[in-house]
């Protein structure tokens, strides 16, 4: 059974940083690309970043390029999203995603002074 559990969210001031983690189980993690999505109140779900199975290629939404970094550890099964220079526009629930078919409960990120 696929399980994805996000953690690491919280309240941070503008300009601050957070590192989100996604603990994955129930599938062969190293065989699959992983993504992070986010959904802000009243808005549609937005793809933030994707990393290929071996981590050799990463893609980002234009809105986060240069500020966010997606990574993974295929030996231990987590995926990460390092978020720097956060702004209030980054406030959302962030979800770890497997192939658009599985995601976790999400972790809330709030950027506010």
N, C-alpha and C. Protein backbone atom coordinates (compact mmCIF):
# COMPACT_ATOMS: atom_id res chain seq x y z
N UNK A 1 0.85 -1.19 0.00
CA UNK A 1 0.00 0.00 0.00
C UNK A 1 0.89 1.24 0.00
N UNK A 2 0.66 2.11 -0.98
CA UNK A 2 1.45 3.32 -1.08
C UNK A 2 1.13 4.27 0.07
N UNK A 3 2.18 4.76 0.69
CA UNK A 3 2.00 5.78 1.74
C UNK A 3 3.00 6.89 1.51
N UNK A 4 2.51 8.11 1.57
CA UNK A 4 3.34 9.30 1.47
C UNK A 4 2.99 10.20 2.65
N UNK A 5 3.99 10.54 3.45
CA UNK A 5 3.75 11.35 4.63
C UNK A 5 4.65 12.57 4.59
N UNK A 6 4.03 13.73 4.44
CA UNK A 6 4.76 14.99 4.39
C UNK A 6 4.97 15.57 5.78
N UNK A 7 6.05 16.27 5.95
CA UNK A 7 6.33 16.96 7.21
C UNK A 7 7.26 18.14 6.93
N UNK A 8 7.41 18.98 7.95
CA UNK A 8 8.35 20.08 7.84
C UNK A 8 7.74 21.44 7.61
N UNK A 9 6.43 21.49 7.43
CA UNK A 9 5.79 22.78 7.24
C UNK A 9 5.73 23.58 8.53
N UNK A 10 5.24 24.79 8.40
CA UNK A 10 5.12 25.64 9.57
C UNK A 10 4.95 27.09 9.19
N UNK A 11 5.09 27.94 10.19
CA UNK A 11 4.98 29.39 10.00
C UNK A 11 6.38 29.97 9.89
N UNK A 12 6.61 30.74 8.86
CA UNK A 12 7.93 31.34 8.65
C UNK A 12 7.75 32.77 8.16
N UNK A 13 8.70 33.62 8.50
CA UNK A 13 8.63 35.01 8.05
C UNK A 13 9.07 35.13 6.59
N UNK A 14 8.60 36.15 5.90
CA UNK A 14 9.08 36.37 4.52
C UNK A 14 10.60 36.43 4.47
N UNK A 15 11.15 35.76 3.45
CA UNK A 15 12.59 35.67 3.32
C UNK A 15 13.19 34.46 4.01
N UNK A 16 12.41 33.76 4.79
CA UNK A 16 12.88 32.60 5.51
C UNK A 16 12.93 31.34 4.67
N UNK A 17 13.30 30.26 5.34
CA UNK A 17 13.46 28.97 4.66
C UNK A 17 12.76 27.86 5.43
N UNK A 18 12.37 26.84 4.69
CA UNK A 18 11.83 25.62 5.27
C UNK A 18 12.30 24.44 4.42
N UNK A 19 12.41 23.29 5.05
CA UNK A 19 12.71 22.07 4.31
C UNK A 19 11.60 21.06 4.55
N UNK A 20 10.89 20.72 3.51
CA UNK A 20 9.84 19.73 3.60
C UNK A 20 10.41 18.35 3.32
N UNK A 21 9.84 17.36 4.00
CA UNK A 21 10.22 15.97 3.79
C UNK A 21 9.01 15.14 3.42
N UNK A 22 9.24 14.11 2.64
CA UNK A 22 8.17 13.18 2.26
C UNK A 22 8.69 11.78 2.50
N UNK A 23 8.12 11.11 3.50
CA UNK A 23 8.48 9.72 3.77
C UNK A 23 7.62 8.83 2.91
N UNK A 24 8.26 7.99 2.09
CA UNK A 24 7.54 7.16 1.13
C UNK A 24 7.69 5.68 1.48
N UNK A 25 6.61 4.92 1.30
CA UNK A 25 6.66 3.48 1.53
C UNK A 25 5.59 2.80 0.69
N UNK A 26 5.72 1.48 0.54
CA UNK A 26 4.72 0.72 -0.18
C UNK A 26 4.95 0.58 -1.66
N UNK A 27 6.07 1.09 -2.14
CA UNK A 27 6.41 0.96 -3.55
C UNK A 27 7.93 1.08 -3.67
N UNK A 28 8.44 0.73 -4.84
CA UNK A 28 9.88 0.81 -5.05
C UNK A 28 10.23 2.25 -5.39
N UNK A 29 10.63 2.97 -4.36
CA UNK A 29 10.84 4.41 -4.45
C UNK A 29 11.82 4.79 -5.56
N UNK A 30 12.89 4.04 -5.67
CA UNK A 30 13.94 4.41 -6.62
C UNK A 30 13.53 4.23 -8.08
N UNK A 31 12.36 3.64 -8.33
CA UNK A 31 11.90 3.42 -9.70
C UNK A 31 10.99 4.52 -10.22
N UNK A 32 10.66 5.49 -9.37
CA UNK A 32 9.62 6.45 -9.74
C UNK A 32 10.06 7.90 -9.57
N UNK A 33 9.63 8.72 -10.54
CA UNK A 33 9.76 10.16 -10.35
C UNK A 33 8.84 10.60 -9.21
N UNK A 34 9.23 11.64 -8.54
CA UNK A 34 8.43 12.20 -7.45
C UNK A 34 8.22 13.68 -7.69
N UNK A 35 7.10 14.16 -7.20
CA UNK A 35 6.77 15.57 -7.39
C UNK A 35 6.28 16.19 -6.09
N UNK A 36 6.37 17.49 -6.04
CA UNK A 36 5.73 18.28 -4.99
C UNK A 36 4.69 19.18 -5.67
N UNK A 37 3.50 19.21 -5.09
CA UNK A 37 2.44 20.11 -5.51
C UNK A 37 2.10 21.01 -4.33
N UNK A 38 1.37 22.06 -4.61
CA UNK A 38 0.85 22.89 -3.54
C UNK A 38 -0.53 23.40 -3.93
N UNK A 39 -1.31 23.68 -2.91
CA UNK A 39 -2.64 24.24 -3.14
C UNK A 39 -2.91 25.32 -2.11
N UNK A 40 -3.11 26.53 -2.60
CA UNK A 40 -3.44 27.66 -1.75
C UNK A 40 -4.96 27.77 -1.67
N UNK A 41 -5.44 28.41 -0.62
CA UNK A 41 -6.89 28.56 -0.46
C UNK A 41 -7.53 29.23 -1.68
N UNK A 42 -8.56 28.60 -2.20
CA UNK A 42 -9.28 29.17 -3.33
C UNK A 42 -8.58 29.03 -4.67
N UNK A 43 -7.46 28.31 -4.69
CA UNK A 43 -6.72 28.16 -5.94
C UNK A 43 -6.61 26.70 -6.33
N UNK A 44 -6.28 26.46 -7.58
CA UNK A 44 -6.09 25.09 -8.04
C UNK A 44 -4.75 24.54 -7.58
N UNK A 45 -4.68 23.24 -7.58
CA UNK A 45 -3.43 22.56 -7.24
C UNK A 45 -2.37 22.91 -8.28
N UNK A 46 -1.18 23.19 -7.81
CA UNK A 46 -0.11 23.66 -8.69
C UNK A 46 1.10 22.75 -8.56
N UNK A 47 1.64 22.31 -9.69
CA UNK A 47 2.87 21.53 -9.67
C UNK A 47 4.04 22.46 -9.35
N UNK A 48 4.79 22.10 -8.33
CA UNK A 48 5.90 22.93 -7.88
C UNK A 48 7.23 22.43 -8.44
N UNK A 49 7.47 21.13 -8.30
CA UNK A 49 8.75 20.58 -8.73
C UNK A 49 8.63 19.08 -8.94
N UNK A 50 9.46 18.56 -9.85
CA UNK A 50 9.52 17.13 -10.12
C UNK A 50 10.97 16.71 -10.21
N UNK A 51 11.25 15.51 -9.71
CA UNK A 51 12.59 14.94 -9.82
C UNK A 51 12.46 13.54 -10.39
N UNK A 52 13.35 13.20 -11.32
CA UNK A 52 13.30 11.87 -11.93
C UNK A 52 13.74 10.80 -10.94
N UNK A 53 13.55 9.55 -11.32
CA UNK A 53 13.76 8.44 -10.39
C UNK A 53 15.18 8.40 -9.82
N UNK A 54 16.17 8.67 -10.64
CA UNK A 54 17.55 8.63 -10.17
C UNK A 54 18.03 10.00 -9.71
N UNK A 55 17.18 10.99 -9.83
CA UNK A 55 17.55 12.33 -9.39
C UNK A 55 18.37 13.12 -10.37
N UNK A 56 18.50 12.60 -11.60
CA UNK A 56 19.36 13.28 -12.55
C UNK A 56 18.74 14.48 -13.23
N UNK A 57 17.43 14.61 -13.15
CA UNK A 57 16.76 15.73 -13.80
C UNK A 57 15.69 16.28 -12.88
N UNK A 58 15.61 17.59 -12.84
CA UNK A 58 14.65 18.27 -11.97
C UNK A 58 13.97 19.38 -12.77
N UNK A 59 12.71 19.57 -12.52
CA UNK A 59 11.96 20.63 -13.17
C UNK A 59 11.19 21.41 -12.12
N UNK A 60 11.06 22.71 -12.37
CA UNK A 60 10.42 23.59 -11.40
C UNK A 60 9.39 24.50 -12.07
N UNK A 61 8.39 24.86 -11.29
CA UNK A 61 7.48 25.91 -11.74
C UNK A 61 8.26 27.22 -11.82
N UNK A 62 7.88 28.07 -12.76
CA UNK A 62 8.59 29.34 -12.92
C UNK A 62 8.58 30.16 -11.63
N UNK A 63 7.51 30.03 -10.89
CA UNK A 63 7.34 30.85 -9.69
C UNK A 63 8.31 30.48 -8.57
N UNK A 64 8.94 29.29 -8.65
CA UNK A 64 9.83 28.87 -7.57
C UNK A 64 11.27 28.65 -8.04
N UNK A 65 11.51 28.78 -9.33
CA UNK A 65 12.86 28.56 -9.86
C UNK A 65 13.86 29.48 -9.17
N UNK A 66 14.98 28.88 -8.79
CA UNK A 66 16.04 29.65 -8.13
C UNK A 66 15.85 29.78 -6.63
N UNK A 67 14.68 29.41 -6.13
CA UNK A 67 14.41 29.50 -4.69
C UNK A 67 14.19 28.14 -4.05
N UNK A 68 13.57 27.22 -4.80
CA UNK A 68 13.26 25.89 -4.26
C UNK A 68 14.17 24.86 -4.91
N UNK A 69 14.48 23.82 -4.13
CA UNK A 69 15.28 22.71 -4.65
C UNK A 69 14.64 21.39 -4.23
N UNK A 70 14.34 20.55 -5.20
CA UNK A 70 13.81 19.22 -4.92
C UNK A 70 14.97 18.23 -4.92
N UNK A 71 14.92 17.28 -4.00
CA UNK A 71 15.97 16.25 -3.95
C UNK A 71 15.36 14.97 -3.42
N UNK A 72 16.17 13.92 -3.42
CA UNK A 72 15.68 12.62 -2.93
C UNK A 72 16.86 11.82 -2.44
N UNK A 73 16.55 10.85 -1.59
CA UNK A 73 17.55 9.92 -1.09
C UNK A 73 17.04 8.51 -1.36
N UNK A 74 17.51 7.92 -2.44
CA UNK A 74 16.98 6.61 -2.83
C UNK A 74 17.41 5.47 -1.90
N UNK A 75 18.35 5.74 -1.04
CA UNK A 75 18.76 4.71 -0.08
C UNK A 75 17.80 4.67 1.12
N UNK A 76 17.20 5.84 1.44
CA UNK A 76 16.36 5.92 2.63
C UNK A 76 14.89 6.22 2.33
N UNK A 77 14.57 6.49 1.07
CA UNK A 77 13.20 6.72 0.59
C UNK A 77 12.55 8.07 0.86
N UNK A 78 13.22 9.08 1.38
CA UNK A 78 12.51 10.35 1.45
C UNK A 78 12.75 11.22 0.22
N UNK A 79 11.79 12.08 -0.04
CA UNK A 79 11.97 13.15 -0.99
C UNK A 79 11.93 14.45 -0.19
N UNK A 80 12.61 15.46 -0.70
CA UNK A 80 12.72 16.72 0.03
C UNK A 80 12.36 17.90 -0.87
N UNK A 81 11.95 18.97 -0.24
CA UNK A 81 11.79 20.24 -0.95
C UNK A 81 12.38 21.33 -0.06
N UNK A 82 13.53 21.83 -0.46
CA UNK A 82 14.16 22.94 0.25
C UNK A 82 13.60 24.22 -0.33
N UNK A 83 13.04 25.06 0.54
CA UNK A 83 12.40 26.29 0.10
C UNK A 83 13.10 27.48 0.74
N UNK A 84 13.68 28.33 -0.07
CA UNK A 84 14.37 29.52 0.41
C UNK A 84 13.68 30.78 -0.10
N UNK A 85 14.01 31.89 0.51
CA UNK A 85 13.46 33.19 0.10
C UNK A 85 11.94 33.13 -0.03
N UNK A 86 11.31 32.58 0.98
CA UNK A 86 9.87 32.40 0.95
C UNK A 86 9.14 33.73 0.99
N UNK A 87 8.02 33.78 0.28
CA UNK A 87 7.17 34.96 0.26
C UNK A 87 5.74 34.55 0.62
N UNK A 88 4.91 35.51 0.98
CA UNK A 88 3.52 35.17 1.32
C UNK A 88 2.80 34.41 0.20
N UNK A 89 3.22 34.62 -1.04
CA UNK A 89 2.59 33.91 -2.16
C UNK A 89 2.88 32.41 -2.15
N UNK A 90 3.84 32.00 -1.35
CA UNK A 90 4.16 30.57 -1.23
C UNK A 90 3.28 29.87 -0.19
N UNK A 91 2.45 30.62 0.51
CA UNK A 91 1.57 30.02 1.51
C UNK A 91 0.60 29.05 0.85
N UNK A 92 0.61 27.81 1.32
CA UNK A 92 -0.21 26.76 0.73
C UNK A 92 -0.03 25.47 1.52
N UNK A 93 -0.85 24.49 1.21
CA UNK A 93 -0.61 23.14 1.68
C UNK A 93 0.23 22.45 0.60
N UNK A 94 1.33 21.86 1.02
CA UNK A 94 2.26 21.22 0.11
C UNK A 94 2.10 19.70 0.19
N UNK A 95 2.04 19.08 -0.99
CA UNK A 95 1.82 17.65 -1.08
C UNK A 95 2.95 16.98 -1.86
N UNK A 96 3.36 15.84 -1.35
CA UNK A 96 4.26 14.96 -2.08
C UNK A 96 3.39 14.09 -2.98
N UNK A 97 3.85 13.83 -4.20
CA UNK A 97 2.99 13.18 -5.17
C UNK A 97 3.74 12.09 -5.95
N UNK A 98 3.06 10.98 -6.13
CA UNK A 98 3.60 9.88 -6.92
C UNK A 98 2.72 9.68 -8.15
N UNK A 99 3.23 10.07 -9.30
CA UNK A 99 2.57 9.84 -10.59
C UNK A 99 1.19 10.43 -10.69
N UNK A 100 0.88 11.40 -9.92
CA UNK A 100 -0.43 12.02 -9.96
C UNK A 100 -1.54 11.15 -9.42
N UNK A 101 -1.17 10.01 -8.86
CA UNK A 101 -2.20 9.07 -8.38
C UNK A 101 -2.21 8.93 -6.87
N UNK A 102 -1.11 9.25 -6.25
CA UNK A 102 -1.01 9.11 -4.79
C UNK A 102 -0.40 10.37 -4.21
N UNK A 103 -0.91 10.78 -3.09
CA UNK A 103 -0.32 11.89 -2.35
C UNK A 103 -0.67 11.74 -0.90
N UNK A 104 0.04 12.49 -0.06
CA UNK A 104 -0.16 12.39 1.37
C UNK A 104 -1.20 13.36 1.87
N UNK A 105 -1.18 13.59 3.18
CA UNK A 105 -2.16 14.50 3.79
C UNK A 105 -1.75 15.95 3.64
N UNK A 106 -0.53 16.16 3.24
CA UNK A 106 -0.05 17.52 3.04
C UNK A 106 0.53 18.13 4.30
N UNK A 107 1.32 19.17 4.10
CA UNK A 107 1.88 19.92 5.23
C UNK A 107 1.69 21.40 4.94
N UNK A 108 1.20 22.12 5.93
CA UNK A 108 0.86 23.54 5.75
C UNK A 108 2.11 24.40 5.84
N UNK A 109 2.28 25.26 4.87
CA UNK A 109 3.33 26.27 4.90
C UNK A 109 2.67 27.64 4.89
N UNK A 110 2.98 28.42 5.91
CA UNK A 110 2.43 29.77 6.02
C UNK A 110 3.57 30.76 6.11
N UNK A 111 3.59 31.70 5.18
CA UNK A 111 4.64 32.72 5.17
C UNK A 111 3.98 34.05 5.53
N UNK A 112 4.35 34.55 6.69
CA UNK A 112 3.71 35.76 7.18
C UNK A 112 4.59 36.42 8.22
N UNK A 113 4.52 37.74 8.26
CA UNK A 113 5.25 38.47 9.30
C UNK A 113 4.36 38.72 10.51
